[in-house]
Amino acid sequence: MDWTRAIDGYCERLGPQYWAEPINAVTNAGFVLVALFLWPRVRGVDRVLVVILGVIGIGSYLFHTHGQVWSALADVAPIGAFVLVYIFVANRDYWGMRTGWALGATVLFFPYAALMVPVFEWLGLGSSSAYAPVALMIAGYAVALRRRLPEVARGLGIGAALLALSITFRALDEPLCGMIPFGTHFLWHLLNAAMLGWMICVHARHALAGRGVGR
């Protein structure tokens, strides 16, 4: 594999230069700022999620400045890590699964995604199809938890809606390129920073409630 092969997948990029995507690059600061804001306010596994959130911003910044295969991996790997850790946390803490069962249920995400990504590709989401199954899963958890944990369910529902909106802007980046020269991908960054931070807050509030804090 040629790890330095150039990748040009966004409306804003018009060449191989480092600052060919200034807006897409700079808006990744949103992830880091949200992570810095949340760090002193959360504990335990939520701090792991906060660290991954910050790394997402760094990885995406590298991708939108270097635009090469290696930086694409630096972009998507932390996102995948966040998804898997959050699924595990949700299985363990929202559903009350033991650690082994929570891990096993988390692994099921892989066949689920393998089945759903082609469906969203068929619906015309293109490269954004890789993220749509996550929004659908969050919505599914929200519905399933509505009686067991209504506050968590509402929080997850908001998270699913935010992710769906951010995916929409990601998918519209190329189609709207003729009208918006700098594209809409930067809104994917800003909305995702808010959405991932929100998802951490949903779990942090649930963890605090479980310890009787604020009751």
N, C-alpha and C. Protein backbone atom coordinates (compact mmCIF):
# COMPACT_ATOMS: atom_id res chain seq x y z
N MET A 1 0.84 -1.20 0.00
CA MET A 1 0.00 0.00 0.00
C MET A 1 0.88 1.25 0.00
N ASP A 2 0.47 2.22 -0.80
CA ASP A 2 1.19 3.50 -0.85
C ASP A 2 0.59 4.43 0.22
N TRP A 3 1.26 4.53 1.37
CA TRP A 3 0.73 5.30 2.48
C TRP A 3 0.75 6.80 2.22
N THR A 4 1.49 7.24 1.21
CA THR A 4 1.56 8.67 0.91
C THR A 4 0.72 9.06 -0.31
N ARG A 5 -0.09 8.15 -0.78
CA ARG A 5 -0.96 8.47 -1.93
C ARG A 5 -1.93 9.58 -1.54
N ALA A 6 -2.06 10.57 -2.40
CA ALA A 6 -2.93 11.72 -2.13
C ALA A 6 -4.40 11.31 -2.21
N ILE A 7 -5.20 11.90 -1.33
CA ILE A 7 -6.64 11.67 -1.31
C ILE A 7 -7.33 13.01 -1.44
N ASP A 8 -8.20 13.13 -2.40
CA ASP A 8 -8.96 14.37 -2.61
C ASP A 8 -10.44 14.00 -2.62
N GLY A 9 -11.07 14.08 -1.44
CA GLY A 9 -12.45 13.65 -1.34
C GLY A 9 -13.41 14.73 -0.90
N TYR A 10 -12.95 15.99 -0.82
CA TYR A 10 -13.80 17.04 -0.27
C TYR A 10 -13.81 18.27 -1.16
N CYS A 11 -14.91 18.96 -1.12
CA CYS A 11 -15.14 20.11 -1.99
C CYS A 11 -14.07 21.18 -1.80
N GLU A 12 -13.67 21.42 -0.58
CA GLU A 12 -12.75 22.52 -0.29
C GLU A 12 -11.36 22.29 -0.86
N ARG A 13 -10.93 21.04 -0.97
CA ARG A 13 -9.56 20.74 -1.42
C ARG A 13 -9.45 20.91 -2.93
N LEU A 14 -8.55 21.80 -3.34
CA LEU A 14 -8.31 22.06 -4.77
C LEU A 14 -6.88 21.70 -5.19
N GLY A 15 -6.09 21.16 -4.27
CA GLY A 15 -4.71 20.79 -4.59
C GLY A 15 -4.09 20.03 -3.45
N PRO A 16 -2.81 19.66 -3.59
CA PRO A 16 -2.14 18.85 -2.57
C PRO A 16 -1.50 19.66 -1.44
N GLN A 17 -1.67 20.97 -1.44
CA GLN A 17 -1.00 21.81 -0.45
C GLN A 17 -1.49 21.51 0.98
N TYR A 18 -0.62 21.82 1.94
CA TYR A 18 -0.92 21.57 3.35
C TYR A 18 -2.20 22.29 3.77
N TRP A 19 -2.35 23.56 3.36
CA TRP A 19 -3.53 24.34 3.74
C TRP A 19 -4.57 24.39 2.62
N ALA A 20 -4.71 23.31 1.90
CA ALA A 20 -5.71 23.25 0.84
C ALA A 20 -7.13 23.16 1.40
N GLU A 21 -7.26 22.76 2.66
CA GLU A 21 -8.58 22.69 3.31
C GLU A 21 -8.53 23.45 4.64
N PRO A 22 -8.37 24.76 4.61
CA PRO A 22 -8.22 25.50 5.87
C PRO A 22 -9.43 25.42 6.79
N ILE A 23 -10.64 25.52 6.23
CA ILE A 23 -11.84 25.48 7.08
C ILE A 23 -12.02 24.08 7.66
N ASN A 24 -11.89 23.06 6.81
CA ASN A 24 -12.01 21.69 7.30
C ASN A 24 -10.95 21.37 8.34
N ALA A 25 -9.77 21.94 8.18
CA ALA A 25 -8.69 21.67 9.14
C ALA A 25 -8.94 22.37 10.47
N VAL A 26 -9.23 23.67 10.41
CA VAL A 26 -9.34 24.47 11.64
C VAL A 26 -10.54 24.06 12.48
N THR A 27 -11.64 23.65 11.85
CA THR A 27 -12.84 23.30 12.62
C THR A 27 -12.65 22.05 13.46
N ASN A 28 -11.56 21.32 13.24
CA ASN A 28 -11.28 20.18 14.11
C ASN A 28 -10.91 20.62 15.51
N ALA A 29 -10.62 21.89 15.69
CA ALA A 29 -10.36 22.42 17.03
C ALA A 29 -11.58 22.21 17.92
N GLY A 30 -12.76 22.10 17.30
CA GLY A 30 -13.97 21.87 18.08
C GLY A 30 -13.89 20.62 18.94
N PHE A 31 -13.33 19.54 18.40
CA PHE A 31 -13.19 18.30 19.15
C PHE A 31 -12.28 18.50 20.36
N VAL A 32 -11.16 19.17 20.13
CA VAL A 32 -10.18 19.38 21.21
C VAL A 32 -10.76 20.29 22.28
N LEU A 33 -11.46 21.35 21.88
CA LEU A 33 -12.03 22.29 22.84
C LEU A 33 -13.10 21.62 23.69
N VAL A 34 -13.95 20.80 23.07
CA VAL A 34 -14.97 20.08 23.83
C VAL A 34 -14.30 19.10 24.80
N ALA A 35 -13.25 18.42 24.35
CA ALA A 35 -12.54 17.48 25.21
C ALA A 35 -11.92 18.20 26.41
N LEU A 36 -11.31 19.37 26.17
CA LEU A 36 -10.71 20.13 27.26
C LEU A 36 -11.77 20.62 28.25
N PHE A 37 -12.93 20.98 27.72
CA PHE A 37 -14.02 21.44 28.58
C PHE A 37 -14.54 20.31 29.47
N LEU A 38 -14.65 19.10 28.90
CA LEU A 38 -15.24 17.98 29.63
C LEU A 38 -14.27 17.31 30.60
N TRP A 39 -12.98 17.37 30.31
CA TRP A 39 -11.99 16.62 31.11
C TRP A 39 -12.15 16.80 32.62
N PRO A 40 -12.21 18.03 33.14
CA PRO A 40 -12.32 18.17 34.60
C PRO A 40 -13.72 17.88 35.14
N ARG A 41 -14.67 17.63 34.26
CA ARG A 41 -16.06 17.47 34.68
C ARG A 41 -16.53 16.02 34.68
N VAL A 42 -15.69 15.10 34.23
CA VAL A 42 -16.08 13.69 34.16
C VAL A 42 -15.04 12.83 34.86
N ARG A 43 -15.40 11.58 35.09
CA ARG A 43 -14.52 10.65 35.77
C ARG A 43 -14.59 9.28 35.08
N GLY A 44 -13.69 8.39 35.48
CA GLY A 44 -13.74 7.00 35.05
C GLY A 44 -13.65 6.82 33.55
N VAL A 45 -14.49 5.94 33.03
CA VAL A 45 -14.45 5.61 31.61
C VAL A 45 -14.79 6.81 30.73
N ASP A 46 -15.51 7.77 31.29
CA ASP A 46 -15.84 8.96 30.50
C ASP A 46 -14.58 9.75 30.16
N ARG A 47 -13.57 9.67 31.00
CA ARG A 47 -12.30 10.33 30.68
C ARG A 47 -11.60 9.62 29.50
N VAL A 48 -11.77 8.31 29.41
CA VAL A 48 -11.24 7.58 28.25
C VAL A 48 -11.90 8.10 26.98
N LEU A 49 -13.22 8.28 27.04
CA LEU A 49 -13.95 8.81 25.89
C LEU A 49 -13.51 10.23 25.56
N VAL A 50 -13.24 11.03 26.58
CA VAL A 50 -12.79 12.40 26.37
C VAL A 50 -11.43 12.42 25.67
N VAL A 51 -10.53 11.55 26.08
CA VAL A 51 -9.22 11.47 25.43
C VAL A 51 -9.38 11.09 23.97
N ILE A 52 -10.22 10.08 23.70
CA ILE A 52 -10.45 9.67 22.31
C ILE A 52 -11.04 10.81 21.51
N LEU A 53 -11.94 11.57 22.14
CA LEU A 53 -12.54 12.73 21.47
C LEU A 53 -11.48 13.72 21.02
N GLY A 54 -10.53 14.01 21.91
CA GLY A 54 -9.44 14.91 21.53
C GLY A 54 -8.59 14.36 20.41
N VAL A 55 -8.33 13.05 20.45
CA VAL A 55 -7.53 12.40 19.41
C VAL A 55 -8.25 12.43 18.07
N ILE A 56 -9.58 12.34 18.09
CA ILE A 56 -10.37 12.45 16.86
C ILE A 56 -10.06 13.78 16.17
N GLY A 57 -10.04 14.85 16.95
CA GLY A 57 -9.74 16.16 16.38
C GLY A 57 -8.35 16.23 15.78
N ILE A 58 -7.37 15.65 16.47
CA ILE A 58 -6.00 15.65 15.96
C ILE A 58 -5.89 14.83 14.68
N GLY A 59 -6.50 13.63 14.70
CA GLY A 59 -6.44 12.77 13.52
C GLY A 59 -7.11 13.38 12.31
N SER A 60 -8.26 14.00 12.53
CA SER A 60 -8.97 14.63 11.42
C SER A 60 -8.20 15.84 10.90
N TYR A 61 -7.56 16.58 11.81
CA TYR A 61 -6.72 17.70 11.39
C TYR A 61 -5.59 17.21 10.47
N LEU A 62 -4.95 16.13 10.85
CA LEU A 62 -3.87 15.57 10.03
C LEU A 62 -4.37 15.18 8.65
N PHE A 63 -5.58 14.61 8.61
CA PHE A 63 -6.11 14.19 7.32
C PHE A 63 -6.43 15.37 6.42
N HIS A 64 -7.02 16.41 7.00
CA HIS A 64 -7.43 17.55 6.18
C HIS A 64 -6.29 18.51 5.87
N THR A 65 -5.11 18.25 6.41
CA THR A 65 -3.93 19.03 6.03
C THR A 65 -3.02 18.22 5.10
N HIS A 66 -2.79 16.95 5.43
CA HIS A 66 -1.91 16.12 4.61
C HIS A 66 -2.64 15.43 3.47
N GLY A 67 -3.88 15.00 3.70
CA GLY A 67 -4.68 14.40 2.64
C GLY A 67 -4.02 13.18 2.01
N GLN A 68 -3.52 12.25 2.84
CA GLN A 68 -2.87 11.05 2.33
C GLN A 68 -3.44 9.82 3.04
N VAL A 69 -3.06 8.64 2.54
CA VAL A 69 -3.62 7.39 3.07
C VAL A 69 -3.35 7.25 4.57
N TRP A 70 -2.12 7.52 4.99
CA TRP A 70 -1.78 7.35 6.41
C TRP A 70 -2.60 8.28 7.30
N SER A 71 -2.83 9.50 6.81
CA SER A 71 -3.59 10.45 7.62
C SER A 71 -5.08 10.11 7.60
N ALA A 72 -5.54 9.43 6.55
CA ALA A 72 -6.93 8.96 6.52
C ALA A 72 -7.14 7.93 7.62
N LEU A 73 -6.14 7.06 7.82
CA LEU A 73 -6.22 6.09 8.91
C LEU A 73 -6.21 6.78 10.26
N ALA A 74 -5.39 7.82 10.40
CA ALA A 74 -5.35 8.59 11.64
C ALA A 74 -6.69 9.28 11.89
N ASP A 75 -7.43 9.53 10.83
CA ASP A 75 -8.75 10.16 10.93
C ASP A 75 -9.81 9.18 11.41
N VAL A 76 -9.89 8.02 10.78
CA VAL A 76 -11.01 7.10 11.04
C VAL A 76 -10.79 6.20 12.25
N ALA A 77 -9.53 5.86 12.58
CA ALA A 77 -9.27 4.93 13.68
C ALA A 77 -9.81 5.43 15.02
N PRO A 78 -9.56 6.70 15.40
CA PRO A 78 -10.11 7.17 16.68
C PRO A 78 -11.64 7.20 16.69
N ILE A 79 -12.25 7.49 15.55
CA ILE A 79 -13.71 7.48 15.48
C ILE A 79 -14.23 6.08 15.76
N GLY A 80 -13.60 5.09 15.13
CA GLY A 80 -14.00 3.71 15.38
C GLY A 80 -13.81 3.32 16.83
N ALA A 81 -12.71 3.78 17.44
CA ALA A 81 -12.45 3.48 18.84
C ALA A 81 -13.53 4.08 19.74
N PHE A 82 -13.93 5.31 19.46
CA PHE A 82 -14.97 5.96 20.26
C PHE A 82 -16.28 5.18 20.16
N VAL A 83 -16.64 4.80 18.95
CA VAL A 83 -17.90 4.06 18.75
C VAL A 83 -17.89 2.77 19.54
N LEU A 84 -16.81 2.00 19.44
CA LEU A 84 -16.75 0.71 20.12
C LEU A 84 -16.73 0.85 21.63
N VAL A 85 -15.97 1.82 22.15
CA VAL A 85 -15.93 2.02 23.60
C VAL A 85 -17.30 2.45 24.11
N TYR A 86 -17.97 3.33 23.36
CA TYR A 86 -19.28 3.80 23.83
C TYR A 86 -20.31 2.68 23.78
N ILE A 87 -20.27 1.85 22.75
CA ILE A 87 -21.20 0.72 22.69
C ILE A 87 -21.00 -0.19 23.89
N PHE A 88 -19.73 -0.48 24.20
CA PHE A 88 -19.43 -1.31 25.37
C PHE A 88 -19.98 -0.68 26.65
N VAL A 89 -19.73 0.62 26.81
CA VAL A 89 -20.20 1.33 28.01
C VAL A 89 -21.72 1.31 28.08
N ALA A 90 -22.37 1.51 26.93
CA ALA A 90 -23.83 1.49 26.91
C ALA A 90 -24.36 0.11 27.28
N ASN A 91 -23.75 -0.94 26.74
CA ASN A 91 -24.19 -2.30 27.06
C ASN A 91 -24.00 -2.60 28.54
N ARG A 92 -22.89 -2.17 29.08
CA ARG A 92 -22.58 -2.46 30.49
C ARG A 92 -23.42 -1.62 31.45
N ASP A 93 -23.49 -0.31 31.18
CA ASP A 93 -24.09 0.59 32.17
C ASP A 93 -25.56 0.90 31.92
N TYR A 94 -25.99 0.92 30.67
CA TYR A 94 -27.41 1.19 30.39
C TYR A 94 -28.23 -0.10 30.47
N TRP A 95 -27.64 -1.19 30.00
CA TRP A 95 -28.36 -2.47 30.00
C TRP A 95 -28.00 -3.37 31.17
N GLY A 96 -26.97 -2.99 31.91
CA GLY A 96 -26.60 -3.77 33.08
C GLY A 96 -25.94 -5.10 32.75
N MET A 97 -25.32 -5.21 31.58
CA MET A 97 -24.65 -6.46 31.21
C MET A 97 -23.35 -6.62 31.98
N ARG A 98 -22.99 -7.87 32.26
CA ARG A 98 -21.67 -8.13 32.80
C ARG A 98 -20.63 -7.85 31.72
N THR A 99 -19.39 -7.66 32.16
CA THR A 99 -18.34 -7.23 31.24
C THR A 99 -18.21 -8.14 30.02
N GLY A 100 -18.20 -9.45 30.23
CA GLY A 100 -18.06 -10.39 29.12
C GLY A 100 -19.19 -10.28 28.12
N TRP A 101 -20.42 -10.19 28.64
CA TRP A 101 -21.59 -10.06 27.75
C TRP A 101 -21.56 -8.72 27.03
N ALA A 102 -21.13 -7.67 27.73
CA ALA A 102 -21.06 -6.34 27.11
C ALA A 102 -20.05 -6.33 25.97
N LEU A 103 -18.91 -7.00 26.17
CA LEU A 103 -17.91 -7.09 25.11
C LEU A 103 -18.44 -7.89 23.92
N GLY A 104 -19.10 -9.02 24.22
CA GLY A 104 -19.66 -9.84 23.15
C GLY A 104 -20.69 -9.09 22.34
N ALA A 105 -21.55 -8.34 23.02
CA ALA A 105 -22.56 -7.56 22.32
C ALA A 105 -21.92 -6.45 21.49
N THR A 106 -20.80 -5.91 21.98
CA THR A 106 -20.10 -4.86 21.23
C THR A 106 -19.54 -5.40 19.92
N VAL A 107 -19.02 -6.62 19.96
CA VAL A 107 -18.46 -7.25 18.75
C VAL A 107 -19.53 -7.40 17.66
N LEU A 108 -20.79 -7.51 18.08
CA LEU A 108 -21.87 -7.66 17.10
C LEU A 108 -22.02 -6.43 16.21
N PHE A 109 -21.39 -5.33 16.61
CA PHE A 109 -21.46 -4.13 15.77
C PHE A 109 -20.85 -4.39 14.39
N PHE A 110 -19.83 -5.24 14.33
CA PHE A 110 -19.14 -5.46 13.06
C PHE A 110 -20.05 -6.12 12.02
N PRO A 111 -20.73 -7.23 12.33
CA PRO A 111 -21.65 -7.78 11.32
C PRO A 111 -22.84 -6.86 11.05
N TYR A 112 -23.30 -6.15 12.08
CA TYR A 112 -24.38 -5.17 11.88
C TYR A 112 -23.97 -4.11 10.88
N ALA A 113 -22.77 -3.54 11.05
CA ALA A 113 -22.30 -2.51 10.13
C ALA A 113 -22.09 -3.08 8.73
N ALA A 114 -21.57 -4.30 8.66
CA ALA A 114 -21.33 -4.93 7.35
C ALA A 114 -22.64 -5.11 6.58
N LEU A 115 -23.72 -5.34 7.30
CA LEU A 115 -25.02 -5.49 6.64
C LEU A 115 -25.65 -4.15 6.27
N MET A 116 -25.46 -3.15 7.12
CA MET A 116 -26.17 -1.88 6.94
C MET A 116 -25.46 -0.90 6.01
N VAL A 117 -24.13 -0.91 5.98
CA VAL A 117 -23.42 0.04 5.12
C VAL A 117 -23.85 -0.06 3.66
N PRO A 118 -23.96 -1.28 3.08
CA PRO A 118 -24.42 -1.36 1.68
C PRO A 118 -25.83 -0.80 1.49
N VAL A 119 -26.67 -0.93 2.51
CA VAL A 119 -28.03 -0.38 2.42
C VAL A 119 -27.98 1.14 2.28
N PHE A 120 -27.16 1.78 3.11
CA PHE A 120 -27.06 3.24 3.05
C PHE A 120 -26.32 3.69 1.79
N GLU A 121 -25.42 2.87 1.28
CA GLU A 121 -24.79 3.18 -0.01
C GLU A 121 -25.84 3.16 -1.11
N TRP A 122 -26.72 2.18 -1.07
CA TRP A 122 -27.80 2.08 -2.05
C TRP A 122 -28.73 3.29 -1.96
N LEU A 123 -28.87 3.84 -0.75
CA LEU A 123 -29.72 5.02 -0.55
C LEU A 123 -29.03 6.31 -1.00
N GLY A 124 -27.75 6.21 -1.40
CA GLY A 124 -27.06 7.35 -1.98
C GLY A 124 -26.21 8.16 -1.03
N LEU A 125 -25.84 7.60 0.13
CA LEU A 125 -25.04 8.36 1.09
C LEU A 125 -23.55 8.32 0.80
N GLY A 126 -23.12 7.51 -0.13
CA GLY A 126 -21.71 7.46 -0.50
C GLY A 126 -20.82 7.09 0.66
N SER A 127 -19.72 7.83 0.84
CA SER A 127 -18.78 7.52 1.91
C SER A 127 -19.37 7.75 3.30
N SER A 128 -20.44 8.52 3.38
CA SER A 128 -21.09 8.75 4.67
C SER A 128 -21.87 7.53 5.14
N SER A 129 -22.01 6.54 4.26
CA SER A 129 -22.73 5.31 4.62
C SER A 129 -22.06 4.57 5.77
N ALA A 130 -20.77 4.79 5.96
CA ALA A 130 -20.06 4.12 7.05
C ALA A 130 -20.50 4.63 8.41
N TYR A 131 -21.06 5.85 8.46
CA TYR A 131 -21.45 6.44 9.74
C TYR A 131 -22.94 6.32 10.02
N ALA A 132 -23.74 6.17 8.99
CA ALA A 132 -25.18 6.11 9.17
C ALA A 132 -25.64 4.97 10.08
N PRO A 133 -25.02 3.77 10.01
CA PRO A 133 -25.46 2.72 10.94
C PRO A 133 -25.29 3.09 12.41
N VAL A 134 -24.32 3.95 12.71
CA VAL A 134 -24.12 4.37 14.10
C VAL A 134 -25.30 5.21 14.56
N ALA A 135 -25.74 6.14 13.72
CA ALA A 135 -26.90 6.96 14.07
C ALA A 135 -28.13 6.09 14.26
N LEU A 136 -28.31 5.11 13.39
CA LEU A 136 -29.45 4.21 13.50
C LEU A 136 -29.38 3.39 14.79
N MET A 137 -28.19 2.94 15.15
CA MET A 137 -28.03 2.16 16.37
C MET A 137 -28.34 3.00 17.61
N ILE A 138 -27.84 4.24 17.63
CA ILE A 138 -28.13 5.11 18.77
C ILE A 138 -29.63 5.32 18.90
N ALA A 139 -30.30 5.55 17.77
CA ALA A 139 -31.76 5.72 17.79
C ALA A 139 -32.44 4.46 18.30
N GLY A 140 -31.93 3.31 17.89
CA GLY A 140 -32.50 2.05 18.35
C GLY A 140 -32.34 1.86 19.85
N TYR A 141 -31.18 2.22 20.38
CA TYR A 141 -30.96 2.14 21.82
C TYR A 141 -31.90 3.11 22.54
N ALA A 142 -32.10 4.29 21.96
CA ALA A 142 -32.99 5.27 22.58
C ALA A 142 -34.41 4.72 22.71
N VAL A 143 -34.89 4.11 21.65
CA VAL A 143 -36.25 3.53 21.67
C VAL A 143 -36.32 2.38 22.67
N ALA A 144 -35.32 1.51 22.64
CA ALA A 144 -35.34 0.32 23.50
C ALA A 144 -35.21 0.67 24.98
N LEU A 145 -34.56 1.80 25.29
CA LEU A 145 -34.34 2.18 26.68
C LEU A 145 -35.38 3.15 27.23
N ARG A 146 -36.41 3.45 26.44
CA ARG A 146 -37.32 4.51 26.82
C ARG A 146 -38.08 4.22 28.12
N ARG A 147 -38.30 2.96 28.45
CA ARG A 147 -38.98 2.62 29.70
C ARG A 147 -37.98 2.37 30.82
N ARG A 148 -36.89 1.73 30.49
CA ARG A 148 -35.88 1.38 31.49
C ARG A 148 -35.16 2.61 32.02
N LEU A 149 -34.72 3.46 31.10
CA LEU A 149 -33.95 4.67 31.46
C LEU A 149 -34.43 5.83 30.59
N PRO A 150 -35.57 6.43 30.93
CA PRO A 150 -36.15 7.46 30.06
C PRO A 150 -35.24 8.67 29.84
N GLU A 151 -34.49 9.11 30.86
CA GLU A 151 -33.61 10.26 30.68
C GLU A 151 -32.46 9.93 29.74
N VAL A 152 -31.88 8.75 29.90
CA VAL A 152 -30.84 8.31 28.99
C VAL A 152 -31.39 8.19 27.58
N ALA A 153 -32.59 7.63 27.45
CA ALA A 153 -33.21 7.46 26.13
C ALA A 153 -33.40 8.80 25.44
N ARG A 154 -33.84 9.81 26.18
CA ARG A 154 -34.00 11.13 25.58
C ARG A 154 -32.65 11.68 25.14
N GLY A 155 -31.64 11.50 25.97
CA GLY A 155 -30.30 11.96 25.61
C GLY A 155 -29.77 11.27 24.36
N LEU A 156 -29.98 9.97 24.28
CA LEU A 156 -29.53 9.23 23.10
C LEU A 156 -30.31 9.66 21.86
N GLY A 157 -31.59 9.95 22.03
CA GLY A 157 -32.39 10.42 20.90
C GLY A 157 -31.86 11.73 20.35
N ILE A 158 -31.48 12.63 21.25
CA ILE A 158 -30.88 13.90 20.81
C ILE A 158 -29.55 13.64 20.10
N GLY A 159 -28.76 12.73 20.65
CA GLY A 159 -27.48 12.38 20.02
C GLY A 159 -27.67 11.81 18.63
N ALA A 160 -28.66 10.93 18.48
CA ALA A 160 -28.94 10.34 17.16
C ALA A 160 -29.36 11.41 16.16
N ALA A 161 -30.17 12.38 16.62
CA ALA A 161 -30.62 13.45 15.73
C ALA A 161 -29.45 14.34 15.32
N LEU A 162 -28.57 14.66 16.26
CA LEU A 162 -27.39 15.47 15.94
C LEU A 162 -26.49 14.76 14.94
N LEU A 163 -26.30 13.45 15.14
CA LEU A 163 -25.45 12.70 14.22
C LEU A 163 -26.08 12.61 12.84
N ALA A 164 -27.39 12.41 12.79
CA ALA A 164 -28.07 12.36 11.50
C ALA A 164 -27.92 13.68 10.75
N LEU A 165 -28.02 14.80 11.48
CA LEU A 165 -27.85 16.11 10.85
C LEU A 165 -26.43 16.29 10.34
N SER A 166 -25.44 15.87 11.15
CA SER A 166 -24.05 16.03 10.74
C SER A 166 -23.72 15.15 9.54
N ILE A 167 -24.30 13.94 9.50
CA ILE A 167 -24.10 13.06 8.34
C ILE A 167 -24.70 13.69 7.09
N THR A 168 -25.83 14.35 7.25
CA THR A 168 -26.47 15.03 6.12
C THR A 168 -25.54 16.07 5.51
N PHE A 169 -24.93 16.90 6.36
CA PHE A 169 -24.00 17.90 5.85
C PHE A 169 -22.77 17.26 5.23
N ARG A 170 -22.32 16.14 5.80
CA ARG A 170 -21.17 15.44 5.21
C ARG A 170 -21.50 14.92 3.82
N ALA A 171 -22.70 14.36 3.69
CA ALA A 171 -23.11 13.81 2.40
C ALA A 171 -23.36 14.88 1.36
N LEU A 172 -23.71 16.09 1.80
CA LEU A 172 -24.02 17.18 0.87
C LEU A 172 -22.79 17.96 0.42
N ASP A 173 -21.63 17.62 0.97
CA ASP A 173 -20.41 18.38 0.67
C ASP A 173 -20.14 18.46 -0.83
N GLU A 174 -20.12 17.34 -1.52
CA GLU A 174 -19.86 17.33 -2.96
C GLU A 174 -21.06 17.82 -3.78
N PRO A 175 -22.29 17.35 -3.50
CA PRO A 175 -23.44 17.82 -4.31
C PRO A 175 -23.64 19.33 -4.30
N LEU A 176 -23.30 19.97 -3.18
CA LEU A 176 -23.49 21.43 -3.08
C LEU A 176 -22.24 22.22 -3.38
N CYS A 177 -21.21 21.55 -3.89
CA CYS A 177 -19.93 22.20 -4.11
C CYS A 177 -20.02 23.36 -5.10
N GLY A 178 -20.90 23.24 -6.08
CA GLY A 178 -21.05 24.30 -7.06
C GLY A 178 -21.62 25.56 -6.47
N MET A 179 -22.46 25.42 -5.42
CA MET A 179 -23.07 26.58 -4.78
C MET A 179 -22.28 27.09 -3.58
N ILE A 180 -21.61 26.15 -2.88
CA ILE A 180 -20.83 26.51 -1.69
C ILE A 180 -19.39 26.05 -1.94
N PRO A 181 -18.52 26.92 -2.44
CA PRO A 181 -17.17 26.51 -2.87
C PRO A 181 -16.33 25.85 -1.78
N PHE A 182 -16.55 26.23 -0.52
CA PHE A 182 -15.77 25.63 0.57
C PHE A 182 -16.47 24.41 1.16
N GLY A 183 -17.62 24.05 0.61
CA GLY A 183 -18.29 22.82 1.01
C GLY A 183 -19.01 22.90 2.34
N THR A 184 -19.55 21.76 2.76
CA THR A 184 -20.29 21.68 4.02
C THR A 184 -19.66 20.70 5.01
N HIS A 185 -18.49 20.17 4.66
CA HIS A 185 -17.88 19.16 5.52
C HIS A 185 -17.50 19.72 6.89
N PHE A 186 -17.18 21.00 6.95
CA PHE A 186 -16.79 21.60 8.23
C PHE A 186 -17.92 21.53 9.25
N LEU A 187 -19.18 21.53 8.76
CA LEU A 187 -20.32 21.41 9.67
C LEU A 187 -20.40 20.01 10.27
N TRP A 188 -19.93 19.01 9.53
CA TRP A 188 -19.80 17.66 10.07
C TRP A 188 -18.87 17.67 11.28
N HIS A 189 -17.79 18.42 11.19
CA HIS A 189 -16.85 18.49 12.31
C HIS A 189 -17.49 19.17 13.52
N LEU A 190 -18.08 20.32 13.31
CA LEU A 190 -18.63 21.08 14.43
C LEU A 190 -19.79 20.35 15.10
N LEU A 191 -20.68 19.79 14.29
CA LEU A 191 -21.81 19.06 14.86
C LEU A 191 -21.36 17.77 15.53
N ASN A 192 -20.37 17.11 14.96
CA ASN A 192 -19.87 15.88 15.58
C ASN A 192 -19.17 16.16 16.90
N ALA A 193 -18.42 17.26 16.97
CA ALA A 193 -17.78 17.62 18.24
C ALA A 193 -18.84 17.82 19.32
N ALA A 194 -19.93 18.51 18.96
CA ALA A 194 -21.02 18.73 19.90
C ALA A 194 -21.72 17.42 20.24
N MET A 195 -21.96 16.59 19.22
CA MET A 195 -22.68 15.33 19.42
C MET A 195 -21.90 14.36 20.31
N LEU A 196 -20.60 14.20 20.03
CA LEU A 196 -19.80 13.27 20.82
C LEU A 196 -19.66 13.76 22.27
N GLY A 197 -19.48 15.06 22.43
CA GLY A 197 -19.45 15.63 23.77
C GLY A 197 -20.76 15.40 24.50
N TRP A 198 -21.86 15.57 23.78
CA TRP A 198 -23.18 15.33 24.36
C TRP A 198 -23.34 13.88 24.80
N MET A 199 -22.88 12.95 23.97
CA MET A 199 -22.99 11.53 24.30
C MET A 199 -22.20 11.20 25.56
N ILE A 200 -21.04 11.82 25.72
CA ILE A 200 -20.27 11.63 26.95
C ILE A 200 -21.05 12.16 28.15
N CYS A 201 -21.67 13.32 27.98
CA CYS A 201 -22.46 13.92 29.07
C CYS A 201 -23.64 13.03 29.45
N VAL A 202 -24.27 12.41 28.47
CA VAL A 202 -25.40 11.52 28.76
C VAL A 202 -24.95 10.39 29.68
N HIS A 203 -23.81 9.79 29.35
CA HIS A 203 -23.33 8.71 30.20
C HIS A 203 -22.84 9.23 31.55
N ALA A 204 -22.15 10.37 31.56
CA ALA A 204 -21.65 10.92 32.82
C ALA A 204 -22.79 11.22 33.79
N ARG A 205 -23.88 11.77 33.29
CA ARG A 205 -25.04 12.05 34.14
C ARG A 205 -25.64 10.77 34.68
N HIS A 206 -25.71 9.75 33.82
CA HIS A 206 -26.24 8.45 34.26
C HIS A 206 -25.35 7.86 35.34
N ALA A 207 -24.03 7.96 35.16
CA ALA A 207 -23.10 7.42 36.16
C ALA A 207 -23.24 8.14 37.49
N LEU A 208 -23.39 9.47 37.45
CA LEU A 208 -23.56 10.24 38.68
C LEU A 208 -24.88 9.87 39.38
N ALA A 209 -25.93 9.71 38.61
CA ALA A 209 -27.22 9.34 39.18
C ALA A 209 -27.13 7.97 39.85
N GLY A 210 -26.35 7.09 39.25
CA GLY A 210 -26.19 5.74 39.80
C GLY A 210 -25.49 5.74 41.15
N ARG A 211 -24.68 6.77 41.39
CA ARG A 211 -23.98 6.88 42.66
C ARG A 211 -24.76 7.75 43.65
N GLY A 212 -25.95 8.19 43.20
CA GLY A 212 -26.79 8.97 44.09
C GLY A 212 -26.45 10.44 44.15
N VAL A 213 -25.56 10.90 43.26
CA VAL A 213 -25.15 12.30 43.27
C VAL A 213 -26.25 13.17 42.69
N GLY A 214 -26.63 14.25 43.37
CA GLY A 214 -27.60 15.19 42.86
C GLY A 214 -29.03 14.76 43.07
N ARG A 215 -29.26 13.65 43.81
CA ARG A 215 -30.64 13.23 44.07
C ARG A 215 -31.18 13.91 45.31
